[in-house]
N, C-alpha and C. Protein backbone atom coordinates (compact mmCIF):
# COMPACT_ATOMS: atom_id res chain seq x y z
N MET A 1 59.94 48.53 42.12
CA MET A 1 60.99 48.24 43.10
C MET A 1 62.17 49.21 42.96
N GLY A 2 61.88 50.45 42.62
CA GLY A 2 62.93 51.39 42.31
C GLY A 2 63.82 51.75 43.48
N ASP A 3 63.39 51.48 44.72
CA ASP A 3 64.21 51.85 45.87
C ASP A 3 65.06 50.68 46.36
N THR A 4 65.15 49.58 45.61
CA THR A 4 66.00 48.47 45.99
C THR A 4 67.29 48.52 45.22
N ALA A 5 68.21 47.63 45.57
CA ALA A 5 69.50 47.59 44.89
C ALA A 5 69.33 47.13 43.46
N SER A 6 70.30 47.45 42.61
CA SER A 6 70.25 47.01 41.23
C SER A 6 70.67 45.56 41.13
N GLY A 7 70.34 44.91 39.99
CA GLY A 7 70.72 43.51 39.79
C GLY A 7 69.58 42.58 40.11
N GLN A 8 69.69 41.36 39.62
CA GLN A 8 68.63 40.37 39.77
C GLN A 8 68.90 39.44 40.93
N PRO A 9 68.01 39.36 41.93
CA PRO A 9 68.23 38.45 43.05
C PRO A 9 68.15 36.99 42.62
N ARG A 10 68.95 36.19 43.29
CA ARG A 10 68.89 34.73 43.17
C ARG A 10 68.40 34.13 44.47
N TRP A 11 68.94 34.62 45.60
CA TRP A 11 68.58 34.14 46.92
C TRP A 11 67.39 34.92 47.47
N VAL A 12 66.53 34.22 48.23
CA VAL A 12 65.53 34.90 49.05
C VAL A 12 65.88 34.61 50.51
N VAL A 13 66.05 35.69 51.28
CA VAL A 13 66.49 35.59 52.67
C VAL A 13 65.34 36.05 53.57
N PHE A 14 64.96 35.22 54.51
CA PHE A 14 63.85 35.51 55.41
C PHE A 14 64.35 35.78 56.82
N ASP A 15 63.75 36.78 57.46
CA ASP A 15 63.78 36.91 58.92
C ASP A 15 62.87 35.83 59.49
N TYR A 16 62.97 35.57 60.79
CA TYR A 16 62.08 34.59 61.41
C TYR A 16 60.92 35.25 62.15
N GLY A 17 61.21 36.03 63.20
CA GLY A 17 60.17 36.54 64.09
C GLY A 17 59.18 37.45 63.38
N GLU A 18 57.91 37.08 63.44
CA GLU A 18 56.80 37.82 62.85
C GLU A 18 56.89 37.89 61.32
N VAL A 19 57.67 36.98 60.75
CA VAL A 19 57.67 36.75 59.30
C VAL A 19 57.29 35.29 59.07
N ILE A 20 58.16 34.38 59.53
CA ILE A 20 57.80 32.97 59.54
C ILE A 20 56.94 32.65 60.75
N SER A 21 57.23 33.30 61.87
CA SER A 21 56.47 33.02 63.10
C SER A 21 55.31 33.99 63.27
N GLN A 22 54.39 33.57 64.11
CA GLN A 22 53.36 34.47 64.64
C GLN A 22 54.00 35.31 65.76
N PRO A 23 53.41 36.47 66.09
CA PRO A 23 53.90 37.20 67.28
C PRO A 23 53.78 36.31 68.52
N THR A 24 54.76 36.39 69.41
CA THR A 24 54.72 35.56 70.60
C THR A 24 53.51 35.90 71.48
N ARG A 25 52.95 34.85 72.06
CA ARG A 25 51.85 35.03 73.02
C ARG A 25 52.26 34.51 74.40
N ALA A 26 53.58 34.43 74.61
CA ALA A 26 54.08 33.84 75.85
C ALA A 26 54.18 34.81 77.01
N LEU A 27 54.09 36.10 76.76
CA LEU A 27 54.38 37.06 77.83
C LEU A 27 53.44 36.94 79.04
N PRO A 28 52.15 36.68 78.88
CA PRO A 28 51.33 36.47 80.09
C PRO A 28 51.82 35.28 80.93
N ARG A 29 52.22 34.18 80.28
CA ARG A 29 52.72 33.02 81.02
C ARG A 29 54.07 33.33 81.67
N ILE A 30 54.89 34.10 80.97
CA ILE A 30 56.17 34.51 81.54
C ILE A 30 55.94 35.39 82.77
N THR A 31 54.97 36.28 82.68
CA THR A 31 54.62 37.15 83.81
C THR A 31 54.23 36.33 85.03
N THR A 32 53.37 35.31 84.80
CA THR A 32 52.95 34.43 85.90
C THR A 32 54.13 33.68 86.49
N ALA A 33 54.99 33.14 85.63
CA ALA A 33 56.15 32.37 86.10
C ALA A 33 57.11 33.22 86.92
N LEU A 34 57.22 34.48 86.57
CA LEU A 34 58.09 35.40 87.32
C LEU A 34 57.48 35.80 88.66
N GLY A 35 56.20 35.48 88.86
CA GLY A 35 55.54 35.85 90.11
C GLY A 35 55.19 37.31 90.18
N VAL A 36 55.06 37.93 88.99
CA VAL A 36 54.71 39.35 88.92
C VAL A 36 53.21 39.45 88.68
N ASP A 37 52.57 40.38 89.33
CA ASP A 37 51.14 40.57 89.17
C ASP A 37 50.78 40.72 87.69
N GLY A 38 49.70 40.03 87.27
CA GLY A 38 49.29 40.07 85.87
C GLY A 38 49.03 41.46 85.35
N ALA A 39 48.67 42.37 86.25
CA ALA A 39 48.44 43.75 85.82
C ALA A 39 49.73 44.44 85.38
N ALA A 40 50.86 43.79 85.68
CA ALA A 40 52.16 44.38 85.33
C ALA A 40 52.68 43.86 83.99
N LEU A 41 51.82 43.33 83.15
CA LEU A 41 52.24 42.76 81.87
C LEU A 41 53.03 43.77 81.04
N ASP A 42 52.62 45.03 81.05
CA ASP A 42 53.36 46.04 80.29
C ASP A 42 54.78 46.20 80.81
N ARG A 43 54.95 46.14 82.12
CA ARG A 43 56.28 46.24 82.72
C ARG A 43 57.14 45.04 82.34
N VAL A 44 56.55 43.87 82.35
CA VAL A 44 57.27 42.66 81.97
C VAL A 44 57.68 42.73 80.51
N SER A 45 56.76 43.15 79.67
CA SER A 45 57.07 43.28 78.24
C SER A 45 58.21 44.26 78.02
N ALA A 46 58.19 45.39 78.73
CA ALA A 46 59.25 46.38 78.58
C ALA A 46 60.59 45.81 79.02
N ALA A 47 60.63 45.09 80.15
CA ALA A 47 61.87 44.49 80.63
C ALA A 47 62.37 43.41 79.68
N TYR A 48 61.45 42.60 79.19
CA TYR A 48 61.76 41.50 78.27
C TYR A 48 62.47 42.03 77.02
N PHE A 49 61.91 43.08 76.43
CA PHE A 49 62.50 43.60 75.19
C PHE A 49 63.72 44.49 75.45
N ALA A 50 63.78 45.12 76.62
CA ALA A 50 64.94 45.97 76.92
C ALA A 50 66.22 45.17 76.99
N GLU A 51 66.14 43.93 77.44
CA GLU A 51 67.34 43.08 77.57
C GLU A 51 67.55 42.16 76.37
N ARG A 52 66.66 42.23 75.39
CA ARG A 52 66.65 41.23 74.32
C ARG A 52 67.86 41.31 73.39
N ASP A 53 68.34 42.50 73.14
CA ASP A 53 69.45 42.63 72.18
C ASP A 53 70.67 41.85 72.65
N ALA A 54 71.00 41.95 73.92
CA ALA A 54 72.15 41.20 74.45
C ALA A 54 71.90 39.70 74.35
N TYR A 55 70.67 39.27 74.59
CA TYR A 55 70.31 37.85 74.48
C TYR A 55 70.48 37.36 73.05
N ASP A 56 70.01 38.16 72.10
CA ASP A 56 70.14 37.81 70.69
C ASP A 56 71.60 37.74 70.25
N ARG A 57 72.48 38.44 70.96
CA ARG A 57 73.90 38.47 70.59
C ARG A 57 74.73 37.41 71.33
N GLY A 58 74.05 36.56 72.09
CA GLY A 58 74.77 35.44 72.68
C GLY A 58 74.75 35.36 74.19
N LEU A 59 74.11 36.31 74.90
CA LEU A 59 74.00 36.20 76.35
C LEU A 59 73.29 34.91 76.72
N GLY A 60 73.74 34.26 77.80
CA GLY A 60 73.15 33.00 78.23
C GLY A 60 71.74 33.16 78.76
N ASP A 61 71.00 32.05 78.80
CA ASP A 61 69.61 32.07 79.25
C ASP A 61 69.48 32.62 80.67
N HIS A 62 70.26 32.07 81.60
CA HIS A 62 70.14 32.49 82.99
C HIS A 62 70.50 33.97 83.15
N GLU A 63 71.55 34.40 82.46
CA GLU A 63 71.97 35.80 82.54
C GLU A 63 70.88 36.72 82.01
N TYR A 64 70.26 36.31 80.91
CA TYR A 64 69.19 37.14 80.34
C TYR A 64 68.01 37.26 81.30
N TRP A 65 67.53 36.12 81.79
CA TRP A 65 66.34 36.18 82.63
C TRP A 65 66.64 36.85 83.98
N SER A 66 67.87 36.73 84.44
CA SER A 66 68.25 37.45 85.67
C SER A 66 68.20 38.96 85.44
N ALA A 67 68.63 39.40 84.27
CA ALA A 67 68.58 40.83 83.94
C ALA A 67 67.14 41.31 83.82
N VAL A 68 66.29 40.50 83.22
CA VAL A 68 64.86 40.84 83.15
C VAL A 68 64.28 40.91 84.56
N GLY A 69 64.57 39.88 85.36
CA GLY A 69 64.05 39.86 86.72
C GLY A 69 64.53 41.05 87.55
N LYS A 70 65.77 41.44 87.37
CA LYS A 70 66.31 42.59 88.12
C LYS A 70 65.50 43.84 87.83
N ARG A 71 65.11 44.03 86.60
CA ARG A 71 64.30 45.21 86.24
C ARG A 71 62.93 45.17 86.93
N LEU A 72 62.47 43.96 87.27
CA LEU A 72 61.14 43.79 87.84
C LEU A 72 61.17 43.53 89.34
N GLY A 73 62.36 43.48 89.92
CA GLY A 73 62.48 43.17 91.35
C GLY A 73 62.20 41.71 91.66
N ALA A 74 62.48 40.82 90.69
CA ALA A 74 62.22 39.40 90.87
C ALA A 74 63.54 38.63 90.79
N ASP A 75 63.74 37.67 91.70
CA ASP A 75 64.92 36.82 91.66
C ASP A 75 64.67 35.65 90.71
N VAL A 76 65.66 35.35 89.88
CA VAL A 76 65.54 34.25 88.91
C VAL A 76 66.68 33.28 89.15
N ASP A 77 66.35 32.09 89.69
CA ASP A 77 67.38 31.07 89.86
C ASP A 77 67.47 30.22 88.59
N ALA A 78 68.37 29.24 88.59
CA ALA A 78 68.62 28.45 87.38
C ALA A 78 67.36 27.68 86.93
N ALA A 79 66.61 27.13 87.90
CA ALA A 79 65.42 26.36 87.55
C ALA A 79 64.36 27.25 86.91
N LEU A 80 64.17 28.44 87.47
CA LEU A 80 63.19 29.37 86.90
C LEU A 80 63.65 29.84 85.52
N ALA A 81 64.93 30.07 85.36
CA ALA A 81 65.45 30.48 84.05
C ALA A 81 65.17 29.42 83.00
N ARG A 82 65.30 28.15 83.36
CA ARG A 82 64.99 27.07 82.41
C ARG A 82 63.52 27.08 82.03
N GLU A 83 62.65 27.30 83.01
CA GLU A 83 61.21 27.34 82.72
C GLU A 83 60.85 28.55 81.86
N LEU A 84 61.42 29.70 82.16
CA LEU A 84 61.16 30.89 81.36
C LEU A 84 61.66 30.70 79.93
N THR A 85 62.80 30.06 79.78
CA THR A 85 63.33 29.79 78.44
C THR A 85 62.39 28.87 77.68
N ARG A 86 61.89 27.84 78.35
CA ARG A 86 60.94 26.92 77.71
C ARG A 86 59.70 27.65 77.22
N LEU A 87 59.15 28.50 78.08
CA LEU A 87 57.96 29.27 77.70
C LEU A 87 58.26 30.21 76.54
N ASP A 88 59.42 30.83 76.60
CA ASP A 88 59.80 31.79 75.57
C ASP A 88 59.98 31.11 74.22
N VAL A 89 60.70 30.00 74.19
CA VAL A 89 60.91 29.27 72.93
C VAL A 89 59.58 28.80 72.36
N ALA A 90 58.71 28.29 73.23
CA ALA A 90 57.40 27.85 72.75
C ALA A 90 56.60 29.02 72.17
N GLY A 91 56.72 30.18 72.80
CA GLY A 91 55.97 31.34 72.32
C GLY A 91 56.38 31.79 70.94
N TRP A 92 57.66 31.61 70.60
CA TRP A 92 58.14 32.02 69.28
C TRP A 92 58.10 30.89 68.26
N SER A 93 57.59 29.72 68.66
CA SER A 93 57.61 28.56 67.77
C SER A 93 56.33 28.38 66.97
N GLU A 94 55.35 29.24 67.21
CA GLU A 94 54.10 29.14 66.45
C GLU A 94 54.29 29.83 65.10
N THR A 95 54.21 29.07 64.03
CA THR A 95 54.51 29.59 62.70
C THR A 95 53.25 30.01 61.96
N ASP A 96 53.46 30.83 60.93
CA ASP A 96 52.36 31.30 60.09
C ASP A 96 52.15 30.29 58.95
N PRO A 97 50.99 29.67 58.84
CA PRO A 97 50.80 28.62 57.83
C PRO A 97 51.01 29.11 56.40
N ASP A 98 50.58 30.32 56.09
CA ASP A 98 50.72 30.81 54.72
C ASP A 98 52.18 31.08 54.38
N THR A 99 52.97 31.52 55.36
CA THR A 99 54.40 31.71 55.10
C THR A 99 55.09 30.36 54.89
N LEU A 100 54.71 29.36 55.65
CA LEU A 100 55.28 28.03 55.43
C LEU A 100 54.93 27.51 54.05
N LEU A 101 53.71 27.76 53.60
CA LEU A 101 53.32 27.37 52.24
C LEU A 101 54.17 28.10 51.21
N LEU A 102 54.43 29.37 51.44
CA LEU A 102 55.29 30.14 50.53
C LEU A 102 56.70 29.55 50.48
N LEU A 103 57.26 29.16 51.61
CA LEU A 103 58.57 28.53 51.61
C LEU A 103 58.56 27.27 50.75
N ALA A 104 57.50 26.47 50.87
CA ALA A 104 57.40 25.25 50.06
C ALA A 104 57.29 25.58 48.57
N GLU A 105 56.56 26.63 48.24
CA GLU A 105 56.43 27.04 46.84
C GLU A 105 57.77 27.48 46.27
N LEU A 106 58.52 28.23 47.05
CA LEU A 106 59.84 28.68 46.60
C LEU A 106 60.79 27.50 46.43
N THR A 107 60.75 26.57 47.37
CA THR A 107 61.58 25.37 47.25
C THR A 107 61.24 24.60 45.98
N ALA A 108 59.94 24.44 45.72
CA ALA A 108 59.51 23.71 44.53
C ALA A 108 59.93 24.42 43.25
N SER A 109 60.02 25.76 43.30
CA SER A 109 60.40 26.53 42.11
C SER A 109 61.92 26.53 41.89
N GLY A 110 62.66 25.98 42.86
CA GLY A 110 64.12 25.93 42.74
C GLY A 110 64.83 27.16 43.23
N THR A 111 64.13 28.05 43.92
CA THR A 111 64.74 29.27 44.46
C THR A 111 65.47 28.95 45.76
N PRO A 112 66.77 29.23 45.87
CA PRO A 112 67.48 28.94 47.11
C PRO A 112 67.11 29.93 48.21
N LEU A 113 66.96 29.41 49.43
CA LEU A 113 66.50 30.21 50.56
C LEU A 113 67.54 30.23 51.66
N ALA A 114 67.57 31.36 52.38
CA ALA A 114 68.41 31.50 53.57
C ALA A 114 67.60 32.14 54.68
N LEU A 115 67.99 31.90 55.90
CA LEU A 115 67.34 32.48 57.09
C LEU A 115 68.36 33.34 57.81
N LEU A 116 67.95 34.55 58.17
CA LEU A 116 68.79 35.46 58.95
C LEU A 116 67.94 35.99 60.09
N SER A 117 68.23 35.53 61.30
CA SER A 117 67.35 35.82 62.43
C SER A 117 68.13 36.31 63.64
N ASN A 118 67.65 37.40 64.24
CA ASN A 118 68.11 37.78 65.57
C ASN A 118 67.40 36.86 66.57
N ALA A 119 68.16 35.97 67.18
CA ALA A 119 67.55 34.99 68.07
C ALA A 119 68.59 34.45 69.04
N PRO A 120 68.17 34.15 70.28
CA PRO A 120 69.09 33.53 71.24
C PRO A 120 69.40 32.10 70.85
N GLY A 121 70.49 31.60 71.39
CA GLY A 121 70.92 30.24 71.07
C GLY A 121 69.91 29.18 71.42
N SER A 122 69.17 29.36 72.51
CA SER A 122 68.18 28.36 72.93
C SER A 122 67.10 28.20 71.87
N PHE A 123 66.66 29.31 71.29
CA PHE A 123 65.67 29.19 70.23
C PHE A 123 66.29 28.60 68.97
N ALA A 124 67.51 29.00 68.65
CA ALA A 124 68.18 28.50 67.45
C ALA A 124 68.25 26.98 67.46
N ARG A 125 68.60 26.40 68.61
CA ARG A 125 68.73 24.95 68.68
C ARG A 125 67.37 24.26 68.49
N GLN A 126 66.32 24.85 69.01
CA GLN A 126 64.98 24.30 68.81
C GLN A 126 64.57 24.41 67.35
N ALA A 127 64.82 25.56 66.74
CA ALA A 127 64.43 25.78 65.35
C ALA A 127 65.11 24.79 64.41
N GLU A 128 66.35 24.44 64.72
CA GLU A 128 67.10 23.51 63.87
C GLU A 128 66.44 22.14 63.77
N ARG A 129 65.55 21.84 64.70
CA ARG A 129 64.88 20.52 64.71
C ARG A 129 63.51 20.55 64.05
N THR A 130 63.10 21.70 63.51
CA THR A 130 61.77 21.81 62.93
C THR A 130 61.76 21.36 61.47
N ARG A 131 60.60 21.00 60.98
CA ARG A 131 60.48 20.55 59.59
C ARG A 131 60.67 21.70 58.60
N TRP A 132 60.23 22.91 58.98
CA TRP A 132 60.35 24.02 58.03
C TRP A 132 61.79 24.40 57.75
N MET A 133 62.70 24.01 58.65
CA MET A 133 64.11 24.35 58.46
C MET A 133 64.70 23.69 57.20
N GLU A 134 64.09 22.61 56.75
CA GLU A 134 64.60 21.89 55.58
C GLU A 134 64.56 22.74 54.31
N HIS A 135 63.81 23.82 54.32
CA HIS A 135 63.72 24.67 53.13
C HIS A 135 64.97 25.54 52.94
N PHE A 136 65.77 25.70 53.99
CA PHE A 136 66.85 26.68 53.94
C PHE A 136 68.21 26.03 53.64
N HIS A 137 68.89 26.62 52.65
CA HIS A 137 70.23 26.18 52.31
C HIS A 137 71.25 26.69 53.35
N HIS A 138 71.02 27.88 53.89
CA HIS A 138 71.92 28.47 54.88
C HIS A 138 71.08 29.15 55.96
N VAL A 139 71.59 29.09 57.19
CA VAL A 139 70.90 29.66 58.34
C VAL A 139 71.91 30.44 59.17
N VAL A 140 71.57 31.69 59.51
CA VAL A 140 72.41 32.50 60.39
C VAL A 140 71.55 32.98 61.56
N PHE A 141 71.89 32.52 62.77
CA PHE A 141 71.27 33.02 63.99
C PHE A 141 72.26 33.95 64.68
N SER A 142 71.78 35.10 65.10
CA SER A 142 72.66 36.13 65.65
C SER A 142 73.47 35.63 66.84
N ALA A 143 72.86 34.87 67.73
CA ALA A 143 73.58 34.42 68.93
C ALA A 143 74.78 33.54 68.58
N ASP A 144 74.71 32.86 67.45
CA ASP A 144 75.79 31.96 67.05
C ASP A 144 76.98 32.72 66.48
N VAL A 145 76.76 33.94 66.03
CA VAL A 145 77.85 34.69 65.37
C VAL A 145 78.25 35.95 66.14
N GLY A 146 77.55 36.23 67.25
CA GLY A 146 77.94 37.34 68.12
C GLY A 146 77.68 38.72 67.56
N THR A 147 76.83 38.81 66.57
CA THR A 147 76.42 40.10 66.03
C THR A 147 74.97 39.98 65.58
N ALA A 148 74.29 41.11 65.43
CA ALA A 148 72.86 41.06 65.17
C ALA A 148 72.46 42.18 64.22
N LYS A 149 71.34 41.96 63.55
CA LYS A 149 70.76 43.04 62.75
C LYS A 149 70.42 44.21 63.68
N PRO A 150 70.64 45.44 63.26
CA PRO A 150 71.02 45.87 61.92
C PRO A 150 72.52 46.11 61.72
N ASP A 151 73.40 45.56 62.58
CA ASP A 151 74.83 45.84 62.47
C ASP A 151 75.39 45.41 61.12
N GLY A 152 76.35 46.15 60.63
CA GLY A 152 76.95 45.86 59.34
C GLY A 152 77.61 44.50 59.27
N GLU A 153 78.17 44.03 60.38
CA GLU A 153 78.90 42.76 60.36
C GLU A 153 78.00 41.58 60.00
N ILE A 154 76.73 41.64 60.39
CA ILE A 154 75.89 40.46 60.15
C ILE A 154 75.61 40.27 58.66
N TRP A 155 75.61 41.35 57.90
CA TRP A 155 75.41 41.21 56.44
C TRP A 155 76.65 40.57 55.82
N ARG A 156 77.82 40.90 56.35
CA ARG A 156 79.04 40.27 55.85
C ARG A 156 79.05 38.77 56.16
N VAL A 157 78.59 38.41 57.36
CA VAL A 157 78.49 36.99 57.71
C VAL A 157 77.55 36.28 56.75
N LEU A 158 76.38 36.87 56.53
CA LEU A 158 75.40 36.27 55.62
C LEU A 158 75.99 36.07 54.23
N LEU A 159 76.58 37.11 53.67
CA LEU A 159 77.09 37.03 52.30
C LEU A 159 78.25 36.05 52.18
N ASP A 160 79.06 35.94 53.23
CA ASP A 160 80.11 34.93 53.24
C ASP A 160 79.51 33.53 53.20
N ARG A 161 78.44 33.32 53.95
CA ARG A 161 77.78 32.00 53.96
C ARG A 161 77.21 31.68 52.57
N LEU A 162 76.60 32.68 51.95
CA LEU A 162 75.97 32.46 50.65
C LEU A 162 77.00 32.41 49.52
N ASP A 163 78.17 33.00 49.78
CA ASP A 163 79.22 33.11 48.76
C ASP A 163 78.64 33.78 47.51
N ASP A 164 77.97 34.91 47.74
CA ASP A 164 77.33 35.62 46.63
C ASP A 164 77.34 37.11 46.92
N ALA A 165 77.00 37.89 45.89
CA ALA A 165 77.00 39.34 46.00
C ALA A 165 75.70 39.82 46.65
N PRO A 166 75.72 40.98 47.32
CA PRO A 166 74.51 41.46 48.00
C PRO A 166 73.33 41.67 47.06
N GLU A 167 73.60 42.14 45.83
CA GLU A 167 72.49 42.39 44.90
C GLU A 167 71.83 41.11 44.41
N ARG A 168 72.41 39.97 44.77
CA ARG A 168 71.81 38.68 44.42
C ARG A 168 70.86 38.18 45.50
N CYS A 169 70.58 39.02 46.52
CA CYS A 169 69.76 38.63 47.65
C CYS A 169 68.54 39.54 47.78
N LEU A 170 67.39 38.93 47.98
CA LEU A 170 66.16 39.64 48.33
C LEU A 170 65.82 39.27 49.76
N PHE A 171 65.75 40.28 50.64
CA PHE A 171 65.60 40.06 52.08
C PHE A 171 64.27 40.61 52.56
N PHE A 172 63.57 39.80 53.36
CA PHE A 172 62.31 40.20 53.99
C PHE A 172 62.49 40.25 55.50
N ASP A 173 62.07 41.36 56.12
CA ASP A 173 62.15 41.52 57.57
C ASP A 173 60.97 42.37 58.01
N ASP A 174 60.52 42.17 59.25
CA ASP A 174 59.36 42.93 59.74
C ASP A 174 59.74 44.28 60.35
N ARG A 175 61.06 44.56 60.51
CA ARG A 175 61.49 45.79 61.16
C ARG A 175 62.20 46.71 60.17
N GLU A 176 61.73 47.95 60.10
CA GLU A 176 62.27 48.89 59.14
C GLU A 176 63.77 49.16 59.33
N PRO A 177 64.30 49.29 60.57
CA PRO A 177 65.75 49.50 60.70
C PRO A 177 66.56 48.39 60.06
N ASN A 178 66.08 47.15 60.12
CA ASN A 178 66.81 46.04 59.50
C ASN A 178 66.73 46.11 57.98
N VAL A 179 65.58 46.52 57.48
CA VAL A 179 65.43 46.69 56.03
C VAL A 179 66.36 47.79 55.54
N THR A 180 66.39 48.90 56.25
CA THR A 180 67.26 50.01 55.86
C THR A 180 68.73 49.59 55.87
N ALA A 181 69.14 48.86 56.90
CA ALA A 181 70.53 48.40 56.99
C ALA A 181 70.86 47.42 55.88
N ALA A 182 69.93 46.54 55.55
CA ALA A 182 70.17 45.59 54.46
C ALA A 182 70.36 46.32 53.14
N ARG A 183 69.55 47.32 52.90
CA ARG A 183 69.70 48.10 51.67
C ARG A 183 71.04 48.82 51.63
N ALA A 184 71.45 49.35 52.79
CA ALA A 184 72.75 50.03 52.85
C ALA A 184 73.89 49.07 52.54
N ALA A 185 73.69 47.78 52.87
CA ALA A 185 74.70 46.76 52.57
C ALA A 185 74.62 46.26 51.13
N GLY A 186 73.64 46.75 50.37
CA GLY A 186 73.54 46.41 48.96
C GLY A 186 72.51 45.35 48.61
N LEU A 187 71.78 44.84 49.60
CA LEU A 187 70.76 43.83 49.33
C LEU A 187 69.47 44.50 48.85
N HIS A 188 68.69 43.79 48.07
CA HIS A 188 67.29 44.15 47.89
C HIS A 188 66.60 43.83 49.22
N ALA A 189 65.81 44.72 49.75
CA ALA A 189 65.20 44.47 51.05
C ALA A 189 63.85 45.16 51.14
N LEU A 190 62.87 44.47 51.69
CA LEU A 190 61.52 45.00 51.83
C LEU A 190 60.95 44.62 53.19
N ARG A 191 60.14 45.52 53.72
CA ARG A 191 59.48 45.23 54.99
C ARG A 191 58.31 44.29 54.76
N TRP A 192 58.26 43.26 55.54
CA TRP A 192 57.28 42.18 55.38
C TRP A 192 55.85 42.70 55.55
N GLN A 193 54.98 42.31 54.61
CA GLN A 193 53.56 42.68 54.68
C GLN A 193 52.66 41.47 54.47
N GLY A 194 53.18 40.31 54.72
CA GLY A 194 52.38 39.10 54.62
C GLY A 194 52.74 38.26 53.42
N ALA A 195 52.37 36.97 53.50
CA ALA A 195 52.79 36.02 52.47
C ALA A 195 52.17 36.30 51.11
N GLU A 196 50.91 36.69 51.08
CA GLU A 196 50.28 36.94 49.77
C GLU A 196 50.93 38.13 49.08
N TRP A 197 51.20 39.17 49.83
CA TRP A 197 51.95 40.32 49.28
C TRP A 197 53.31 39.87 48.78
N ALA A 198 53.99 39.02 49.56
CA ALA A 198 55.33 38.56 49.18
C ALA A 198 55.28 37.76 47.88
N ARG A 199 54.23 36.99 47.67
CA ARG A 199 54.12 36.25 46.41
C ARG A 199 54.15 37.19 45.21
N GLU A 200 53.44 38.30 45.30
CA GLU A 200 53.44 39.25 44.19
C GLU A 200 54.83 39.85 43.99
N VAL A 201 55.51 40.17 45.09
CA VAL A 201 56.87 40.69 44.99
C VAL A 201 57.78 39.67 44.32
N LEU A 202 57.70 38.44 44.75
CA LEU A 202 58.56 37.38 44.21
C LEU A 202 58.27 37.12 42.73
N ARG A 203 57.01 37.20 42.35
CA ARG A 203 56.69 37.05 40.92
C ARG A 203 57.28 38.20 40.11
N SER A 204 57.27 39.41 40.69
CA SER A 204 57.81 40.56 39.97
C SER A 204 59.31 40.43 39.74
N TYR A 205 59.98 39.68 40.61
CA TYR A 205 61.41 39.43 40.46
C TYR A 205 61.70 38.16 39.65
N GLY A 206 60.66 37.46 39.24
CA GLY A 206 60.86 36.21 38.52
C GLY A 206 61.27 35.06 39.40
N LEU A 207 61.04 35.16 40.70
CA LEU A 207 61.45 34.12 41.64
C LEU A 207 60.32 33.14 41.95
N LEU A 208 59.12 33.45 41.51
CA LEU A 208 58.00 32.53 41.50
C LEU A 208 57.34 32.63 40.14
N PRO A 209 56.79 31.53 39.63
CA PRO A 209 56.11 31.61 38.34
C PRO A 209 54.88 32.47 38.41
N ALA A 210 54.58 33.16 37.30
CA ALA A 210 53.38 33.98 37.23
C ALA A 210 52.14 33.08 37.31
N THR A 211 51.07 33.61 37.88
CA THR A 211 49.83 32.86 37.93
C THR A 211 49.19 32.85 36.55
N SER A 212 48.34 31.86 36.32
CA SER A 212 47.67 31.78 35.03
C SER A 212 46.81 33.01 34.83
N GLY A 213 46.89 33.57 33.64
CA GLY A 213 46.14 34.79 33.35
C GLY A 213 46.95 36.05 33.50
N ASP A 214 48.18 35.94 34.13
CA ASP A 214 49.03 37.12 34.26
C ASP A 214 49.66 37.47 32.92
């Protein structure tokens, strides 16, 4: 782990999308709801992600979907925006079973956990009602704080919540720019490669007990 920050982590901080969650499979249903030809899925995906940063930073549901629709030549009224939001939240709500098991193992070992996610407020409110949320001592959703990864401010928000030093945090994220920014802020940070890989990393830091025979 020579390319991480110095010091021993205490906290393990997880991203949500494509770390705890599976990749969304909602885009075909969103395409249908928008009334766009199914062959235009690539265009819908491009519009969806092009407007996502503003959504993650607190833009409202209707404003976001209207911006997506504008890129596609589709009108989005309030009722359609509600339906698109429902589909979108459901698409990001499918979790990875092995990652959930890892969260339970860390909780059982006494390792404190935090969540740091770029996510719109609509998803944040749904996530707060899930059972897996009970594993986290602190949760930071970008839409709630008006800043998002990889901006420097979000690391300050996180560390204020944890009331701890950056070198006391080990952060997992699926996007390299976020990992790079976390390291620049002084955190230990690694790009996510799956729960089994993460177990070995966590054992190397002493954050999970070694397996028998190690």
